[in-house]
Protein backbone atom coordinates (compact mmCIF):
# COMPACT_ATOMS: atom_id res chain seq x y z
CA MET A 1 171.18 -16.04 122.96
CA SER A 2 167.32 -16.85 124.17
CA PRO A 3 166.03 -14.04 126.58
CA ASP A 4 165.71 -15.02 130.46
CA TRP A 5 162.24 -15.55 131.20
CA ASP A 6 162.23 -12.78 134.18
CA GLY A 7 163.56 -10.68 131.14
CA LEU A 8 160.55 -10.57 129.08
CA PRO A 9 157.75 -7.87 129.48
CA ASP A 10 154.81 -9.14 131.89
CA ASP A 11 152.14 -9.06 129.16
CA LEU A 12 154.34 -11.37 127.04
CA GLN A 13 155.04 -13.62 130.23
CA LEU A 14 151.11 -13.73 130.53
CA VAL A 15 150.37 -14.43 127.08
CA LEU A 16 152.96 -17.57 127.09
CA ALA A 17 151.84 -18.55 130.50
CA ARG A 18 148.17 -18.89 129.16
CA GLU A 19 149.18 -20.64 126.28
CA ALA A 20 151.12 -23.15 128.03
CA MET A 21 148.13 -24.06 130.40
CA ARG A 22 145.73 -24.10 127.28
CA ARG A 23 148.29 -26.58 125.33
CA ALA A 24 148.32 -28.40 128.88
CA ALA A 25 144.61 -28.75 129.32
CA GLU A 26 144.22 -30.09 125.51
CA THR A 27 146.86 -32.34 126.32
CA ILE A 28 145.19 -33.90 129.54
CA ALA A 29 142.22 -33.79 127.52
CA CYS A 30 143.45 -36.21 124.66
CA GLN A 31 144.85 -38.31 127.19
CA ALA A 32 141.58 -38.71 128.65
CA GLU A 33 139.69 -39.47 125.58
CA ALA A 34 141.95 -41.94 124.29
CA LEU A 35 141.95 -43.72 127.80
CA ALA A 36 138.26 -43.45 126.93
CA GLY A 37 138.86 -45.25 123.67
CA GLU A 38 141.01 -47.65 124.95
CA ILE A 39 138.81 -49.06 127.59
CA GLU A 40 135.62 -49.15 124.93
CA VAL A 41 137.98 -51.42 122.74
CA GLY A 42 138.76 -53.68 125.53
CA GLY A 43 142.35 -52.43 125.74
CA LEU A 44 142.23 -51.92 129.29
CA ALA A 45 139.61 -53.51 131.79
CA ASP A 46 136.31 -51.15 131.88
CA ARG A 47 135.90 -50.07 135.98
CA GLY A 48 133.38 -47.24 134.32
CA GLY A 49 135.74 -45.27 133.56
CA PRO A 50 134.91 -44.18 129.21
CA GLU A 51 132.36 -41.73 130.65
CA ALA A 52 134.33 -40.11 133.36
CA LEU A 53 137.22 -39.83 131.53
CA ARG A 54 135.01 -37.96 128.76
CA LEU A 55 133.57 -35.64 131.59
CA LEU A 56 137.24 -34.79 133.10
CA ALA A 57 138.02 -33.82 129.36
CA ALA A 58 135.13 -31.65 128.82
CA VAL A 59 135.56 -30.06 132.08
CA VAL A 60 139.65 -29.36 131.47
CA ARG A 61 138.65 -28.07 128.20
CA LEU A 62 135.95 -25.77 129.75
CA SER A 63 138.13 -24.40 132.37
CA ALA A 64 140.92 -23.62 129.84
CA ARG A 65 138.74 -21.20 127.73
CA ASP A 66 140.00 -17.61 128.12
CA THR A 67 136.51 -16.40 128.53
CA LEU A 68 136.66 -17.78 132.40
CA VAL A 69 138.20 -15.81 134.99
CA PRO A 70 140.86 -17.20 136.85
CA CYS A 71 139.77 -17.91 140.41
CA GLY A 72 141.70 -17.68 143.35
CA SER A 73 144.54 -15.69 144.43
CA ALA A 74 148.65 -16.01 144.09
């Protein structure tokens, strides 16, 4: 039987949540780069998107680094 999320220690919940966010950020960044590549090879109409998508990928990766302090409050 797998443990319930609420039954996990807080530090483990934090580690798992951070890893999930890191993976989600990397997935978004990879998809943005793949879409930029499709635009460049003519698979999709170019409306100025490739560089914007690469910028999005860089920003997502930068914000996913553990060295940055989370902002806001919950």
